[in-house]
Protein backbone atom coordinates (compact mmCIF):
# COMPACT_ATOMS: atom_id res chain seq x y z
CA UNK A 1 -23.27 -1.57 51.41
CA UNK A 2 -23.17 -5.35 51.10
CA UNK A 3 -26.01 -6.97 49.18
CA UNK A 4 -26.76 -10.66 48.77
CA UNK A 5 -28.72 -12.28 45.97
CA UNK A 6 -31.76 -13.98 47.48
CA UNK A 7 -32.14 -17.64 46.69
CA UNK A 8 -35.17 -18.38 44.54
CA UNK A 9 -38.08 -19.85 46.48
CA UNK A 10 -38.44 -23.54 45.70
CA UNK A 11 -41.65 -25.35 46.56
CA UNK A 12 -41.00 -28.09 49.11
CA UNK A 13 -43.09 -30.50 51.11
CA UNK A 14 -41.55 -29.76 54.48
CA UNK A 15 -42.21 -26.37 56.06
CA UNK A 16 -39.40 -23.87 56.19
CA UNK A 17 -37.91 -23.59 59.68
CA UNK A 18 -35.96 -20.41 59.22
CA UNK A 19 -38.00 -17.25 59.83
CA UNK A 20 -37.85 -15.02 56.80
CA UNK A 21 -38.88 -11.54 55.86
CA UNK A 22 -42.36 -10.61 54.74
CA UNK A 23 -42.64 -11.60 51.07
CA UNK A 24 -45.26 -8.91 50.42
CA UNK A 25 -42.65 -6.25 51.17
CA UNK A 26 -39.38 -5.98 49.29
CA UNK A 27 -36.44 -3.60 48.99
CA UNK A 28 -35.64 -2.10 45.59
CA UNK A 29 -32.09 -1.16 44.60
CA UNK A 30 -31.15 0.63 41.40
CA UNK A 31 -27.56 -0.25 40.43
CA UNK A 32 -25.46 1.04 37.56
CA UNK A 33 -23.87 -2.15 36.23
CA UNK A 34 -22.53 -1.38 32.79
CA UNK A 35 -20.00 1.44 33.23
CA UNK A 36 -16.47 0.64 34.40
CA UNK A 37 -16.02 3.52 36.87
CA UNK A 38 -19.60 3.26 38.08
CA UNK A 39 -19.76 -0.51 38.66
CA UNK A 40 -22.54 -1.23 41.18
CA UNK A 41 -23.10 2.41 42.02
CA UNK A 42 -26.34 2.71 43.96
CA UNK A 43 -28.61 5.29 42.31
CA UNK A 44 -31.96 4.32 43.83
CA UNK A 45 -33.00 2.85 47.18
CA UNK A 46 -36.59 2.19 48.12
CA UNK A 47 -37.21 0.18 51.27
CA UNK A 48 -40.13 -2.10 51.98
CA UNK A 49 -42.09 -1.46 48.81
CA UNK A 50 -45.37 -3.31 48.43
CA UNK A 51 -45.10 -5.41 45.30
CA UNK A 52 -48.43 -4.12 44.03
CA UNK A 53 -47.58 -0.41 44.45
CA UNK A 54 -46.03 1.95 41.95
CA UNK A 55 -42.36 2.85 42.30
CA UNK A 56 -41.67 6.48 41.49
CA UNK A 57 -38.33 7.30 39.86
CA UNK A 58 -37.32 10.94 39.63
CA UNK A 59 -37.03 12.35 36.13
CA UNK A 60 -33.73 14.00 37.08
CA UNK A 61 -32.28 10.57 37.96
CA UNK A 62 -33.32 9.20 34.58
CA UNK A 63 -31.65 12.16 32.88
CA UNK A 64 -28.38 11.64 34.81
CA UNK A 65 -28.29 7.84 34.77
CA UNK A 66 -30.60 6.42 32.15
CA UNK A 67 -29.07 2.93 32.27
CA UNK A 68 -29.45 1.19 35.59
CA UNK A 69 -30.89 -2.12 36.70
CA UNK A 70 -33.67 -2.23 39.27
CA UNK A 71 -33.24 -5.19 41.62
CA UNK A 72 -35.89 -6.62 43.92
CA UNK A 73 -33.95 -9.83 44.49
CA UNK A 74 -31.14 -8.35 46.61
CA UNK A 75 -31.04 -8.60 50.38
CA UNK A 76 -29.36 -5.86 52.42
CA UNK A 77 -26.71 -7.41 54.66
CA UNK A 78 -26.61 -4.33 56.93
CA UNK A 79 -22.86 -4.00 56.48
CA UNK A 80 -21.76 -0.49 55.50
CA UNK A 81 -18.45 1.34 55.06
CA UNK A 82 -18.52 5.13 55.26
CA UNK A 83 -16.02 7.92 54.75
CA UNK A 84 -15.15 9.71 57.96
CA UNK A 85 -17.00 12.87 56.89
CA UNK A 86 -20.29 10.94 57.12
CA UNK A 87 -19.87 10.98 60.92
CA UNK A 88 -19.68 14.78 60.76
CA UNK A 89 -22.81 14.76 58.61
CA UNK A 90 -24.60 12.72 61.29
CA UNK A 91 -23.66 15.36 63.87
CA UNK A 92 -25.21 18.06 61.66
CA UNK A 93 -28.36 16.15 60.65
CA UNK A 94 -30.01 15.32 63.97
CA UNK A 95 -33.12 13.84 62.30
CA UNK A 96 -31.17 10.85 60.96
CA UNK A 97 -32.09 8.02 63.33
CA UNK A 98 -31.54 4.89 61.23
CA UNK A 99 -28.71 3.99 58.87
CA UNK A 100 -30.88 1.94 56.51
CA UNK A 101 -34.07 4.01 56.61
CA UNK A 102 -32.60 7.53 56.82
CA UNK A 103 -28.86 7.80 56.11
CA UNK A 104 -28.49 5.53 53.07
CA UNK A 105 -31.46 7.08 51.17
CA UNK A 106 -30.19 10.57 52.15
CA UNK A 107 -26.72 9.87 50.70
CA UNK A 108 -28.09 8.16 47.57
CA UNK A 109 -30.39 11.13 46.83
CA UNK A 110 -27.50 13.61 47.29
CA UNK A 111 -25.32 11.98 44.65
CA UNK A 112 -24.70 13.79 41.36
CA UNK A 113 -25.78 17.12 42.86
CA UNK A 114 -22.32 18.53 43.48
CA UNK A 115 -20.49 19.38 46.68
CA UNK A 116 -22.91 22.18 47.61
CA UNK A 117 -25.57 19.74 48.87
CA UNK A 118 -23.50 19.10 52.01
CA UNK A 119 -23.30 21.50 54.96
CA UNK A 120 -20.23 23.74 54.67
CA UNK A 121 -18.34 22.27 57.64
CA UNK A 122 -18.79 18.74 56.31
CA UNK A 123 -18.06 19.76 52.72
CA UNK A 124 -14.72 21.37 53.65
CA UNK A 125 -13.51 18.25 55.48
CA UNK A 126 -14.70 15.87 52.77
CA UNK A 127 -13.24 17.94 49.94
CA UNK A 128 -9.80 18.29 51.54
CA UNK A 129 -9.55 14.57 52.32
CA UNK A 130 -10.73 13.59 48.85
CA UNK A 131 -8.25 15.96 47.19
CA UNK A 132 -5.43 14.47 49.27
CA UNK A 133 -6.46 10.93 48.33
CA UNK A 134 -6.68 11.85 44.63
CA UNK A 135 -3.21 13.43 44.68
CA UNK A 136 -1.72 10.27 46.22
CA UNK A 137 -3.56 7.89 43.90
CA UNK A 138 -1.69 5.90 41.28
CA UNK A 139 -4.83 5.60 39.19
CA UNK A 140 -4.96 7.33 35.84
CA UNK A 141 -8.68 7.99 36.16
CA UNK A 142 -9.60 11.61 36.67
CA UNK A 143 -11.67 12.33 39.74
CA UNK A 144 -14.45 14.89 39.55
CA UNK A 145 -14.24 17.11 42.68
CA UNK A 146 -17.99 17.78 42.40
CA UNK A 147 -18.70 14.04 42.66
CA UNK A 148 -18.22 14.06 46.42
CA UNK A 149 -21.09 11.85 47.54
CA UNK A 150 -20.78 8.37 46.03
CA UNK A 151 -22.64 5.23 47.10
CA UNK A 152 -21.59 1.79 45.93
CA UNK A 153 -22.76 -1.73 46.68
CA UNK A 154 -20.86 -4.98 46.78
CA UNK A 155 -23.02 -7.85 45.59
CA UNK A 156 -21.80 -11.05 47.20
CA UNK A 157 -21.02 -14.00 44.96
CA UNK A 158 -23.49 -16.88 45.06
CA UNK A 159 -21.19 -19.11 47.13
CA UNK A 160 -20.74 -16.53 49.91
CA UNK A 161 -22.63 -16.78 53.18
CA UNK A 162 -24.37 -13.75 54.61
CA UNK A 163 -27.30 -13.66 56.99
CA UNK A 164 -28.94 -11.07 59.16
CA UNK A 165 -30.43 -11.92 62.53
CA UNK A 166 -32.61 -9.30 64.17
CA UNK A 167 -34.62 -11.59 66.43
CA UNK A 168 -33.65 -14.41 68.77
CA UNK A 169 -35.41 -17.10 66.66
CA UNK A 170 -33.64 -15.81 63.55
CA UNK A 171 -30.30 -15.87 65.38
CA UNK A 172 -30.89 -19.46 66.54
CA UNK A 173 -31.84 -20.54 63.02
CA UNK A 174 -28.74 -18.83 61.62
CA UNK A 175 -26.56 -20.46 64.28
CA UNK A 176 -27.90 -23.91 63.37
CA UNK A 177 -27.40 -23.23 59.67
CA UNK A 178 -23.81 -22.12 60.15
CA UNK A 179 -23.16 -25.18 62.30
CA UNK A 180 -24.54 -27.55 59.68
CA UNK A 181 -23.04 -25.82 56.62
CA UNK A 182 -19.57 -25.14 57.88
CA UNK A 183 -18.66 -28.43 59.50
CA UNK A 184 -14.90 -28.83 59.45
CA UNK A 185 -13.64 -32.39 59.55
CA UNK A 186 -11.37 -33.04 62.47
CA UNK A 187 -7.81 -33.54 61.36
CA UNK A 188 -5.74 -36.48 62.59
CA UNK A 189 -2.90 -34.06 63.24
CA UNK A 190 -4.81 -32.22 65.96
CA UNK A 191 -4.33 -33.79 69.35
CA UNK A 192 -6.83 -33.59 72.18
């Protein structure tokens, strides 16, 4: 999953043209940021939380991963990379209709519970492919075969550009922004 740090809101005199998301609702991401092997591992996802509501965190999560950072300033770029076995999981779990609302929380909740949380047909495929990858790896790190479901996030650097357009006005605003930000000066070497 690709996440982008949201720019802080600065008060300005002119109204903002670009349509944004509802500021009363925010996504919460719990990321493990201090352990080398677990860098930016996603341990908690809660979508569209009202800022005045309570956020429940499972006691079992706190026992497994007591040190994680809860972010409300990250923006989901809707760019995901999955292992091939996740497609098999989607075939088994017919109720999963949305990647962000259903699949990502499902996978995040299934972490740290061992390989038995997956259906047998999916587990067999995932385990065999993961064992093959571990045997071919040049890394000295030991891989836990029970740690089959792993969710990580890549937090974009501050100078990266990432936007999401889910409406026509948002797409137009993004198109204008890209056009104004990424102007490339015409080179004298390029002929017409």
